[in-house]
Amino acid sequence: MAVRWLDRVLIVLFLFAAFVGFYYEPVFFLHCGWAGLHQGAGGACSQDWVGRAWLAYLKVEPYYADAPLFLQLVNEFDTLLFGWLYLLSIFVFFTGRQTRGWYKSLATFVSGMMAYAMTYYLTWESLTYHQTGANIRSVFFYNGLWLLIFALLLARLYLLAPRTAAAGRRQAAAGLAGYHA
């Protein structure tokens, strides 16, 4: 019961992440961009709701108005490196293939990449929020969602993975083989 509930939560979270990765961020990059964000309310970002949302985020993280390249890349990698996994995960969870070895390996690798990227970014934010003027609680609230998604994914794949009878027999046989050696 808890596994099915978590599967549904993950599908919703991956739908949201796919929306961000394949619509929200690309619209920002293409219609507004970092230069438009730098121009503020009078620039290109004021032309659509995505740009206005990014302008509103400047109140949380003013440093984004003049974001250095590393900070731009942290944001752009979500679309370039992680977006495809969001779509794949939606398909995998809808079709019940989330416990397959290939998906677990891929999801574990990407989860590690996301954990590294977000830990790096949130550590940087924690160390510099006095200088940048960031609202550190809001930064953690908005960006911590990505860590939550991947933590829930790993919990689902490894802690709440249903055990099949065949897997139990293989594990027992492997354990017994170790005693005979």
N, C-alpha and C. Protein backbone atom coordinates (compact mmCIF):
# COMPACT_ATOMS: atom_id res chain seq x y z
N MET A 1 0.82 -1.19 0.00
CA MET A 1 0.00 0.00 0.00
C MET A 1 0.87 1.26 0.00
N ALA A 2 1.87 1.32 0.90
CA ALA A 2 2.76 2.48 0.96
C ALA A 2 3.58 2.61 -0.32
N VAL A 3 3.93 1.47 -0.92
CA VAL A 3 4.72 1.50 -2.14
C VAL A 3 3.91 2.11 -3.28
N ARG A 4 2.64 1.71 -3.41
CA ARG A 4 1.80 2.28 -4.48
C ARG A 4 1.60 3.77 -4.26
N TRP A 5 1.43 4.19 -3.01
CA TRP A 5 1.25 5.61 -2.70
C TRP A 5 2.51 6.38 -3.10
N LEU A 6 3.68 5.85 -2.74
CA LEU A 6 4.93 6.52 -3.08
C LEU A 6 5.14 6.55 -4.59
N ASP A 7 4.77 5.47 -5.28
CA ASP A 7 4.86 5.47 -6.74
C ASP A 7 4.04 6.60 -7.34
N ARG A 8 2.84 6.82 -6.83
CA ARG A 8 1.98 7.90 -7.33
C ARG A 8 2.58 9.27 -7.02
N VAL A 9 3.12 9.42 -5.83
CA VAL A 9 3.77 10.68 -5.47
C VAL A 9 4.96 10.94 -6.40
N LEU A 10 5.74 9.92 -6.66
CA LEU A 10 6.89 10.08 -7.55
C LEU A 10 6.46 10.43 -8.97
N ILE A 11 5.38 9.83 -9.45
CA ILE A 11 4.88 10.19 -10.78
C ILE A 11 4.51 11.67 -10.82
N VAL A 12 3.81 12.15 -9.81
CA VAL A 12 3.44 13.58 -9.75
C VAL A 12 4.69 14.45 -9.68
N LEU A 13 5.65 14.08 -8.87
CA LEU A 13 6.89 14.86 -8.75
C LEU A 13 7.68 14.85 -10.05
N PHE A 14 7.72 13.71 -10.73
CA PHE A 14 8.42 13.65 -12.01
C PHE A 14 7.67 14.43 -13.09
N LEU A 15 6.35 14.45 -13.04
CA LEU A 15 5.59 15.29 -13.97
C LEU A 15 5.94 16.76 -13.76
N PHE A 16 5.99 17.17 -12.49
CA PHE A 16 6.37 18.55 -12.17
C PHE A 16 7.80 18.84 -12.64
N ALA A 17 8.73 17.93 -12.34
CA ALA A 17 10.13 18.13 -12.74
C ALA A 17 10.27 18.17 -14.26
N ALA A 18 9.50 17.33 -14.97
CA ALA A 18 9.54 17.35 -16.44
C ALA A 18 8.99 18.66 -16.97
N PHE A 19 7.94 19.18 -16.35
CA PHE A 19 7.41 20.48 -16.73
C PHE A 19 8.47 21.56 -16.56
N VAL A 20 9.16 21.54 -15.43
CA VAL A 20 10.22 22.52 -15.19
C VAL A 20 11.36 22.33 -16.19
N GLY A 21 11.79 21.08 -16.39
CA GLY A 21 12.93 20.81 -17.24
C GLY A 21 12.69 21.01 -18.72
N PHE A 22 11.45 20.78 -19.16
CA PHE A 22 11.19 20.84 -20.61
C PHE A 22 10.31 22.00 -21.05
N TYR A 23 9.75 22.74 -20.10
CA TYR A 23 8.98 23.92 -20.49
C TYR A 23 9.50 25.17 -19.78
N TYR A 24 9.42 25.17 -18.46
CA TYR A 24 9.73 26.35 -17.67
C TYR A 24 11.15 26.86 -17.92
N GLU A 25 12.14 25.99 -17.78
CA GLU A 25 13.53 26.43 -17.97
C GLU A 25 13.84 26.77 -19.43
N PRO A 26 13.43 25.95 -20.41
CA PRO A 26 13.71 26.35 -21.81
C PRO A 26 13.02 27.65 -22.21
N VAL A 27 11.80 27.90 -21.73
CA VAL A 27 11.14 29.17 -22.04
C VAL A 27 11.94 30.32 -21.46
N PHE A 28 12.45 30.14 -20.25
CA PHE A 28 13.30 31.17 -19.66
C PHE A 28 14.54 31.39 -20.51
N PHE A 29 15.24 30.29 -20.87
CA PHE A 29 16.48 30.42 -21.62
C PHE A 29 16.24 31.08 -22.98
N LEU A 30 15.15 30.72 -23.65
CA LEU A 30 14.90 31.20 -25.01
C LEU A 30 14.23 32.57 -25.09
N HIS A 31 13.33 32.87 -24.17
CA HIS A 31 12.56 34.13 -24.26
C HIS A 31 13.08 35.24 -23.36
N CYS A 32 13.74 34.87 -22.32
CA CYS A 32 14.18 35.86 -21.34
C CYS A 32 15.69 35.80 -21.21
N GLY A 33 16.18 34.70 -20.74
CA GLY A 33 17.62 34.47 -20.62
C GLY A 33 18.26 35.25 -19.49
N TRP A 34 19.52 34.95 -19.31
CA TRP A 34 20.26 35.59 -18.22
C TRP A 34 20.42 37.08 -18.46
N ALA A 35 20.58 37.48 -19.71
CA ALA A 35 20.69 38.91 -20.02
C ALA A 35 19.37 39.62 -19.73
N GLY A 36 18.26 39.00 -20.06
CA GLY A 36 16.95 39.58 -19.77
C GLY A 36 16.69 39.69 -18.28
N LEU A 37 17.16 38.70 -17.53
CA LEU A 37 17.01 38.75 -16.08
C LEU A 37 17.83 39.91 -15.52
N HIS A 38 18.98 40.14 -16.09
CA HIS A 38 19.84 41.25 -15.66
C HIS A 38 19.16 42.60 -15.91
N GLN A 39 18.34 42.70 -16.96
CA GLN A 39 17.65 43.95 -17.30
C GLN A 39 16.52 44.29 -16.32
N GLY A 40 16.07 43.31 -15.55
CA GLY A 40 15.04 43.55 -14.56
C GLY A 40 13.65 43.66 -15.17
N ALA A 41 12.76 44.35 -14.46
CA ALA A 41 11.35 44.43 -14.85
C ALA A 41 11.12 45.13 -16.18
N GLY A 42 12.06 45.93 -16.63
CA GLY A 42 11.91 46.62 -17.90
C GLY A 42 12.40 45.82 -19.09
N GLY A 43 12.96 44.65 -18.85
CA GLY A 43 13.56 43.86 -19.93
C GLY A 43 12.64 42.78 -20.47
N ALA A 44 13.25 41.86 -21.19
CA ALA A 44 12.53 40.79 -21.88
C ALA A 44 11.79 39.86 -20.93
N CYS A 45 12.25 39.74 -19.72
CA CYS A 45 11.61 38.80 -18.79
C CYS A 45 10.20 39.22 -18.37
N SER A 46 9.87 40.46 -18.55
CA SER A 46 8.54 40.91 -18.16
C SER A 46 7.47 40.56 -19.18
N GLN A 47 7.87 39.94 -20.30
CA GLN A 47 6.94 39.68 -21.40
C GLN A 47 6.06 38.45 -21.21
N ASP A 48 6.45 37.49 -20.37
CA ASP A 48 5.61 36.31 -20.16
C ASP A 48 5.68 35.88 -18.70
N TRP A 49 4.80 34.95 -18.34
CA TRP A 49 4.70 34.55 -16.94
C TRP A 49 5.95 33.85 -16.44
N VAL A 50 6.65 33.12 -17.31
CA VAL A 50 7.87 32.44 -16.88
C VAL A 50 8.94 33.46 -16.53
N GLY A 51 9.12 34.45 -17.37
CA GLY A 51 10.09 35.50 -17.08
C GLY A 51 9.73 36.28 -15.82
N ARG A 52 8.44 36.56 -15.65
CA ARG A 52 8.02 37.27 -14.43
C ARG A 52 8.25 36.42 -13.19
N ALA A 53 8.09 35.10 -13.32
CA ALA A 53 8.37 34.22 -12.17
C ALA A 53 9.85 34.26 -11.82
N TRP A 54 10.72 34.28 -12.84
CA TRP A 54 12.15 34.40 -12.58
C TRP A 54 12.48 35.76 -11.96
N LEU A 55 11.82 36.80 -12.43
CA LEU A 55 12.03 38.12 -11.82
C LEU A 55 11.60 38.11 -10.36
N ALA A 56 10.52 37.41 -10.06
CA ALA A 56 10.07 37.31 -8.67
C ALA A 56 11.09 36.53 -7.83
N TYR A 57 11.74 35.55 -8.44
CA TYR A 57 12.75 34.78 -7.72
C TYR A 57 13.95 35.65 -7.34
N LEU A 58 14.15 36.74 -8.06
CA LEU A 58 15.24 37.65 -7.71
C LEU A 58 15.07 38.21 -6.30
N LYS A 59 13.85 38.26 -5.80
CA LYS A 59 13.63 38.70 -4.42
C LYS A 59 14.16 37.68 -3.43
N VAL A 60 14.17 36.40 -3.83
CA VAL A 60 14.71 35.33 -3.00
C VAL A 60 16.22 35.25 -3.16
N GLU A 61 16.67 35.37 -4.40
CA GLU A 61 18.09 35.23 -4.71
C GLU A 61 18.52 36.34 -5.66
N PRO A 62 18.79 37.55 -5.12
CA PRO A 62 19.15 38.70 -5.98
C PRO A 62 20.39 38.47 -6.84
N TYR A 63 21.24 37.57 -6.43
CA TYR A 63 22.49 37.30 -7.14
C TYR A 63 22.22 36.80 -8.56
N TYR A 64 21.04 36.23 -8.80
CA TYR A 64 20.70 35.72 -10.12
C TYR A 64 20.64 36.82 -11.18
N ALA A 65 20.45 38.06 -10.77
CA ALA A 65 20.42 39.16 -11.74
C ALA A 65 21.75 39.27 -12.49
N ASP A 66 22.83 38.91 -11.83
CA ASP A 66 24.16 38.89 -12.45
C ASP A 66 24.82 37.54 -12.21
N ALA A 67 24.09 36.48 -12.49
CA ALA A 67 24.57 35.13 -12.18
C ALA A 67 25.86 34.81 -12.93
N PRO A 68 26.86 34.33 -12.19
CA PRO A 68 28.10 33.89 -12.85
C PRO A 68 27.83 32.60 -13.64
N LEU A 69 28.74 32.27 -14.50
CA LEU A 69 28.57 31.12 -15.38
C LEU A 69 28.28 29.84 -14.61
N PHE A 70 28.97 29.59 -13.50
CA PHE A 70 28.74 28.34 -12.78
C PHE A 70 27.30 28.23 -12.31
N LEU A 71 26.72 29.34 -11.87
CA LEU A 71 25.33 29.33 -11.40
C LEU A 71 24.36 29.15 -12.57
N GLN A 72 24.67 29.73 -13.70
CA GLN A 72 23.85 29.52 -14.89
C GLN A 72 23.88 28.04 -15.29
N LEU A 73 25.05 27.43 -15.24
CA LEU A 73 25.18 26.03 -15.63
C LEU A 73 24.43 25.10 -14.69
N VAL A 74 24.45 25.39 -13.39
CA VAL A 74 23.70 24.57 -12.43
C VAL A 74 22.24 24.52 -12.85
N ASN A 75 21.69 25.65 -13.27
CA ASN A 75 20.30 25.70 -13.71
C ASN A 75 20.10 25.02 -15.06
N GLU A 76 20.99 25.23 -15.97
CA GLU A 76 20.83 24.68 -17.31
C GLU A 76 21.04 23.17 -17.35
N PHE A 77 21.83 22.64 -16.43
CA PHE A 77 22.03 21.19 -16.39
C PHE A 77 20.75 20.45 -16.06
N ASP A 78 19.83 21.09 -15.37
CA ASP A 78 18.57 20.40 -15.07
C ASP A 78 17.89 19.98 -16.35
N THR A 79 17.89 20.85 -17.34
CA THR A 79 17.28 20.51 -18.62
C THR A 79 18.17 19.56 -19.41
N LEU A 80 19.44 19.87 -19.49
CA LEU A 80 20.35 19.10 -20.35
C LEU A 80 20.67 17.71 -19.82
N LEU A 81 20.86 17.58 -18.51
CA LEU A 81 21.29 16.30 -17.95
C LEU A 81 20.19 15.50 -17.27
N PHE A 82 19.23 16.18 -16.67
CA PHE A 82 18.27 15.47 -15.86
C PHE A 82 16.88 15.36 -16.48
N GLY A 83 16.53 16.26 -17.37
CA GLY A 83 15.19 16.29 -17.93
C GLY A 83 14.75 14.98 -18.55
N TRP A 84 15.65 14.33 -19.29
CA TRP A 84 15.29 13.07 -19.94
C TRP A 84 14.96 12.00 -18.93
N LEU A 85 15.61 12.01 -17.74
CA LEU A 85 15.30 11.01 -16.73
C LEU A 85 13.90 11.23 -16.15
N TYR A 86 13.46 12.47 -16.06
CA TYR A 86 12.11 12.73 -15.56
C TYR A 86 11.08 12.06 -16.47
N LEU A 87 11.24 12.24 -17.78
CA LEU A 87 10.30 11.61 -18.72
C LEU A 87 10.39 10.09 -18.67
N LEU A 88 11.60 9.57 -18.66
CA LEU A 88 11.78 8.13 -18.58
C LEU A 88 11.15 7.58 -17.30
N SER A 89 11.34 8.28 -16.19
CA SER A 89 10.80 7.80 -14.91
C SER A 89 9.28 7.78 -14.91
N ILE A 90 8.66 8.75 -15.54
CA ILE A 90 7.20 8.74 -15.64
C ILE A 90 6.76 7.47 -16.37
N PHE A 91 7.38 7.17 -17.50
CA PHE A 91 7.06 5.97 -18.27
C PHE A 91 7.33 4.71 -17.44
N VAL A 92 8.48 4.64 -16.80
CA VAL A 92 8.87 3.46 -16.04
C VAL A 92 7.89 3.21 -14.89
N PHE A 93 7.51 4.25 -14.18
CA PHE A 93 6.59 4.06 -13.06
C PHE A 93 5.18 3.74 -13.53
N PHE A 94 4.74 4.32 -14.64
CA PHE A 94 3.43 4.00 -15.19
C PHE A 94 3.35 2.54 -15.65
N THR A 95 4.45 2.02 -16.15
CA THR A 95 4.45 0.66 -16.67
C THR A 95 4.94 -0.37 -15.65
N GLY A 96 5.27 0.07 -14.44
CA GLY A 96 5.67 -0.85 -13.38
C GLY A 96 7.06 -1.45 -13.55
N ARG A 97 7.95 -0.74 -14.21
CA ARG A 97 9.30 -1.26 -14.46
C ARG A 97 10.36 -0.67 -13.53
N GLN A 98 9.93 -0.01 -12.47
CA GLN A 98 10.87 0.72 -11.62
C GLN A 98 11.82 -0.18 -10.83
N THR A 99 11.54 -1.45 -10.72
CA THR A 99 12.46 -2.32 -9.98
C THR A 99 13.42 -3.07 -10.90
N ARG A 100 13.38 -2.79 -12.17
CA ARG A 100 14.31 -3.43 -13.11
C ARG A 100 15.72 -2.92 -12.85
N GLY A 101 16.67 -3.81 -13.00
CA GLY A 101 18.06 -3.49 -12.70
C GLY A 101 18.60 -2.32 -13.49
N TRP A 102 18.31 -2.25 -14.78
CA TRP A 102 18.82 -1.16 -15.62
C TRP A 102 18.31 0.19 -15.13
N TYR A 103 17.03 0.24 -14.73
CA TYR A 103 16.48 1.52 -14.26
C TYR A 103 17.07 1.87 -12.89
N LYS A 104 17.18 0.90 -12.01
CA LYS A 104 17.75 1.18 -10.70
C LYS A 104 19.18 1.72 -10.82
N SER A 105 19.97 1.12 -11.71
CA SER A 105 21.34 1.58 -11.91
C SER A 105 21.37 3.01 -12.46
N LEU A 106 20.57 3.26 -13.47
CA LEU A 106 20.51 4.58 -14.08
C LEU A 106 19.99 5.62 -13.08
N ALA A 107 18.92 5.29 -12.37
CA ALA A 107 18.34 6.23 -11.41
C ALA A 107 19.31 6.50 -10.26
N THR A 108 20.05 5.50 -9.85
CA THR A 108 21.04 5.70 -8.78
C THR A 108 22.15 6.63 -9.24
N PHE A 109 22.64 6.43 -10.45
CA PHE A 109 23.69 7.28 -11.01
C PHE A 109 23.22 8.73 -11.11
N VAL A 110 22.05 8.94 -11.69
CA VAL A 110 21.53 10.30 -11.86
C VAL A 110 21.20 10.92 -10.50
N SER A 111 20.70 10.13 -9.57
CA SER A 111 20.43 10.64 -8.22
C SER A 111 21.72 11.14 -7.57
N GLY A 112 22.79 10.41 -7.78
CA GLY A 112 24.09 10.85 -7.26
C GLY A 112 24.54 12.15 -7.89
N MET A 113 24.32 12.27 -9.21
CA MET A 113 24.67 13.52 -9.89
C MET A 113 23.86 14.69 -9.34
N MET A 114 22.55 14.47 -9.15
CA MET A 114 21.69 15.54 -8.63
C MET A 114 22.07 15.87 -7.18
N ALA A 115 22.34 14.85 -6.39
CA ALA A 115 22.74 15.11 -5.00
C ALA A 115 24.02 15.93 -4.96
N TYR A 116 24.98 15.61 -5.81
CA TYR A 116 26.22 16.38 -5.86
C TYR A 116 25.94 17.82 -6.28
N ALA A 117 25.18 18.01 -7.36
CA ALA A 117 24.91 19.35 -7.86
C ALA A 117 24.17 20.19 -6.83
N MET A 118 23.14 19.62 -6.23
CA MET A 118 22.35 20.40 -5.26
C MET A 118 23.11 20.62 -3.96
N THR A 119 23.89 19.65 -3.53
CA THR A 119 24.69 19.84 -2.32
C THR A 119 25.72 20.95 -2.55
N TYR A 120 26.36 20.94 -3.71
CA TYR A 120 27.31 21.99 -4.06
C TYR A 120 26.61 23.35 -4.06
N TYR A 121 25.48 23.44 -4.75
CA TYR A 121 24.76 24.71 -4.87
C TYR A 121 24.27 25.19 -3.50
N LEU A 122 23.64 24.32 -2.73
CA LEU A 122 23.10 24.74 -1.44
C LEU A 122 24.21 25.05 -0.44
N THR A 123 25.33 24.38 -0.54
CA THR A 123 26.48 24.72 0.31
C THR A 123 27.00 26.10 -0.06
N TRP A 124 27.13 26.36 -1.35
CA TRP A 124 27.57 27.68 -1.80
C TRP A 124 26.59 28.75 -1.30
N GLU A 125 25.31 28.49 -1.43
CA GLU A 125 24.30 29.45 -0.95
C GLU A 125 24.44 29.69 0.55
N SER A 126 24.67 28.61 1.32
CA SER A 126 24.81 28.74 2.77
C SER A 126 26.02 29.57 3.16
N LEU A 127 27.07 29.46 2.38
CA LEU A 127 28.30 30.19 2.69
C LEU A 127 28.31 31.63 2.20
N THR A 128 27.43 31.96 1.25
CA THR A 128 27.48 33.29 0.64
C THR A 128 26.21 34.12 0.80
N TYR A 129 25.19 33.61 1.45
CA TYR A 129 23.92 34.35 1.48
C TYR A 129 24.04 35.72 2.13
N HIS A 130 24.99 35.91 3.02
CA HIS A 130 25.19 37.24 3.61
C HIS A 130 25.68 38.24 2.56
N GLN A 131 26.54 37.78 1.67
CA GLN A 131 27.06 38.66 0.63
C GLN A 131 26.08 38.82 -0.54
N THR A 132 25.35 37.76 -0.87
CA THR A 132 24.48 37.81 -2.05
C THR A 132 23.10 38.36 -1.74
N GLY A 133 22.73 38.39 -0.47
CA GLY A 133 21.40 38.87 -0.09
C GLY A 133 20.30 37.84 -0.26
N ALA A 134 20.68 36.58 -0.41
CA ALA A 134 19.69 35.52 -0.62
C ALA A 134 18.88 35.30 0.65
N ASN A 135 17.62 34.96 0.46
CA ASN A 135 16.77 34.51 1.55
C ASN A 135 17.01 33.01 1.66
N ILE A 136 17.90 32.62 2.56
CA ILE A 136 18.41 31.25 2.58
C ILE A 136 17.31 30.23 2.83
N ARG A 137 16.33 30.55 3.65
CA ARG A 137 15.22 29.59 3.89
C ARG A 137 14.44 29.34 2.61
N SER A 138 14.15 30.38 1.88
CA SER A 138 13.40 30.22 0.62
C SER A 138 14.23 29.49 -0.42
N VAL A 139 15.52 29.78 -0.47
CA VAL A 139 16.40 29.08 -1.40
C VAL A 139 16.36 27.58 -1.12
N PHE A 140 16.46 27.20 0.15
CA PHE A 140 16.41 25.78 0.51
C PHE A 140 15.03 25.19 0.22
N PHE A 141 13.98 25.95 0.45
CA PHE A 141 12.63 25.45 0.19
C PHE A 141 12.44 25.16 -1.29
N TYR A 142 12.76 26.13 -2.14
CA TYR A 142 12.55 25.95 -3.57
C TYR A 142 13.47 24.90 -4.18
N ASN A 143 14.72 24.92 -3.79
CA ASN A 143 15.70 24.03 -4.42
C ASN A 143 15.82 22.69 -3.73
N GLY A 144 15.43 22.61 -2.48
CA GLY A 144 15.47 21.34 -1.76
C GLY A 144 14.51 20.31 -2.32
N LEU A 145 13.51 20.77 -3.07
CA LEU A 145 12.57 19.85 -3.69
C LEU A 145 13.28 18.84 -4.57
N TRP A 146 14.34 19.26 -5.26
CA TRP A 146 15.07 18.34 -6.15
C TRP A 146 15.77 17.26 -5.34
N LEU A 147 16.30 17.62 -4.19
CA LEU A 147 16.90 16.59 -3.33
C LEU A 147 15.83 15.64 -2.81
N LEU A 148 14.67 16.18 -2.46
CA LEU A 148 13.58 15.36 -1.97
C LEU A 148 13.13 14.35 -3.03
N ILE A 149 12.98 14.79 -4.26
CA ILE A 149 12.56 13.90 -5.34
C ILE A 149 13.51 12.71 -5.44
N PHE A 150 14.79 12.98 -5.47
CA PHE A 150 15.74 11.89 -5.67
C PHE A 150 15.93 11.05 -4.40
N ALA A 151 15.76 11.64 -3.23
CA ALA A 151 15.80 10.85 -1.99
C ALA A 151 14.61 9.89 -1.94
N LEU A 152 13.43 10.39 -2.32
CA LEU A 152 12.25 9.52 -2.37
C LEU A 152 12.43 8.41 -3.41
N LEU A 153 13.02 8.76 -4.55
CA LEU A 153 13.26 7.76 -5.58
C LEU A 153 14.18 6.66 -5.06
N LEU A 154 15.27 7.03 -4.42
CA LEU A 154 16.19 6.02 -3.90
C LEU A 154 15.54 5.20 -2.79
N ALA A 155 14.75 5.85 -1.93
CA ALA A 155 14.04 5.12 -0.89
C ALA A 155 13.09 4.10 -1.52
N ARG A 156 12.40 4.52 -2.57
CA ARG A 156 11.48 3.60 -3.26
C ARG A 156 12.22 2.43 -3.89
N LEU A 157 13.34 2.71 -4.51
CA LEU A 157 14.06 1.66 -5.23
C LEU A 157 14.78 0.69 -4.32
N TYR A 158 15.26 1.17 -3.17
CA TYR A 158 16.10 0.32 -2.34
C TYR A 158 15.50 -0.04 -0.99
N LEU A 159 14.75 0.84 -0.39
CA LEU A 159 14.20 0.54 0.93
C LEU A 159 12.80 -0.05 0.85
N LEU A 160 12.06 0.36 -0.15
CA LEU A 160 10.67 -0.10 -0.26
C LEU A 160 10.46 -0.98 -1.49
N ALA A 161 11.54 -1.49 -2.07
CA ALA A 161 11.42 -2.34 -3.25
C ALA A 161 10.75 -3.65 -2.86
N PRO A 162 9.71 -4.02 -3.58
CA PRO A 162 9.07 -5.30 -3.25
C PRO A 162 10.01 -6.46 -3.55
N ARG A 163 10.02 -7.41 -2.68
CA ARG A 163 10.86 -8.59 -2.86
C ARG A 163 10.04 -9.67 -3.55
N THR A 164 10.57 -10.17 -4.60
CA THR A 164 9.90 -11.27 -5.29
C THR A 164 10.38 -12.59 -4.70
N ALA A 165 9.61 -13.62 -4.88
CA ALA A 165 10.01 -14.94 -4.38
C ALA A 165 11.31 -15.39 -5.05
N ALA A 166 11.43 -15.12 -6.35
CA ALA A 166 12.64 -15.52 -7.07
C ALA A 166 13.87 -14.80 -6.52
N ALA A 167 13.73 -13.51 -6.23
CA ALA A 167 14.86 -12.75 -5.68
C ALA A 167 15.24 -13.29 -4.31
N GLY A 168 14.25 -13.63 -3.52
CA GLY A 168 14.51 -14.20 -2.19
C GLY A 168 15.24 -15.52 -2.29
N ARG A 169 14.83 -16.37 -3.25
CA ARG A 169 15.49 -17.67 -3.44
C ARG A 169 16.94 -17.47 -3.91
N ARG A 170 17.17 -16.51 -4.83
CA ARG A 170 18.53 -16.25 -5.31
C ARG A 170 19.42 -15.76 -4.18
N GLN A 171 18.88 -14.88 -3.34
CA GLN A 171 19.67 -14.36 -2.23
C GLN A 171 19.98 -15.48 -1.23
N ALA A 172 19.01 -16.33 -0.95
CA ALA A 172 19.24 -17.43 -0.03
C ALA A 172 20.26 -18.41 -0.60
N ALA A 173 20.15 -18.68 -1.92
CA ALA A 173 21.11 -19.60 -2.55
C ALA A 173 22.51 -19.01 -2.53
N ALA A 174 22.64 -17.72 -2.77
CA ALA A 174 23.94 -17.07 -2.73
C ALA A 174 24.52 -17.13 -1.32
N GLY A 175 23.68 -16.94 -0.32
CA GLY A 175 24.14 -17.02 1.06
C GLY A 175 24.60 -18.41 1.43
N LEU A 176 23.85 -19.43 0.99
CA LEU A 176 24.25 -20.81 1.28
C LEU A 176 25.53 -21.17 0.55
N ALA A 177 25.69 -20.69 -0.67
CA ALA A 177 26.91 -20.99 -1.42
C ALA A 177 28.13 -20.46 -0.70
N GLY A 178 27.98 -19.33 -0.03
CA GLY A 178 29.09 -18.74 0.71
C GLY A 178 29.51 -19.61 1.89
N TYR A 179 28.57 -20.37 2.47
CA TYR A 179 28.90 -21.20 3.61
C TYR A 179 29.65 -22.47 3.20
N HIS A 180 29.45 -22.92 1.95
CA HIS A 180 30.10 -24.15 1.47
C HIS A 180 31.51 -23.90 0.95
N ALA A 181 31.84 -22.66 0.72
CA ALA A 181 33.14 -22.36 0.13
C ALA A 181 34.26 -22.43 1.12
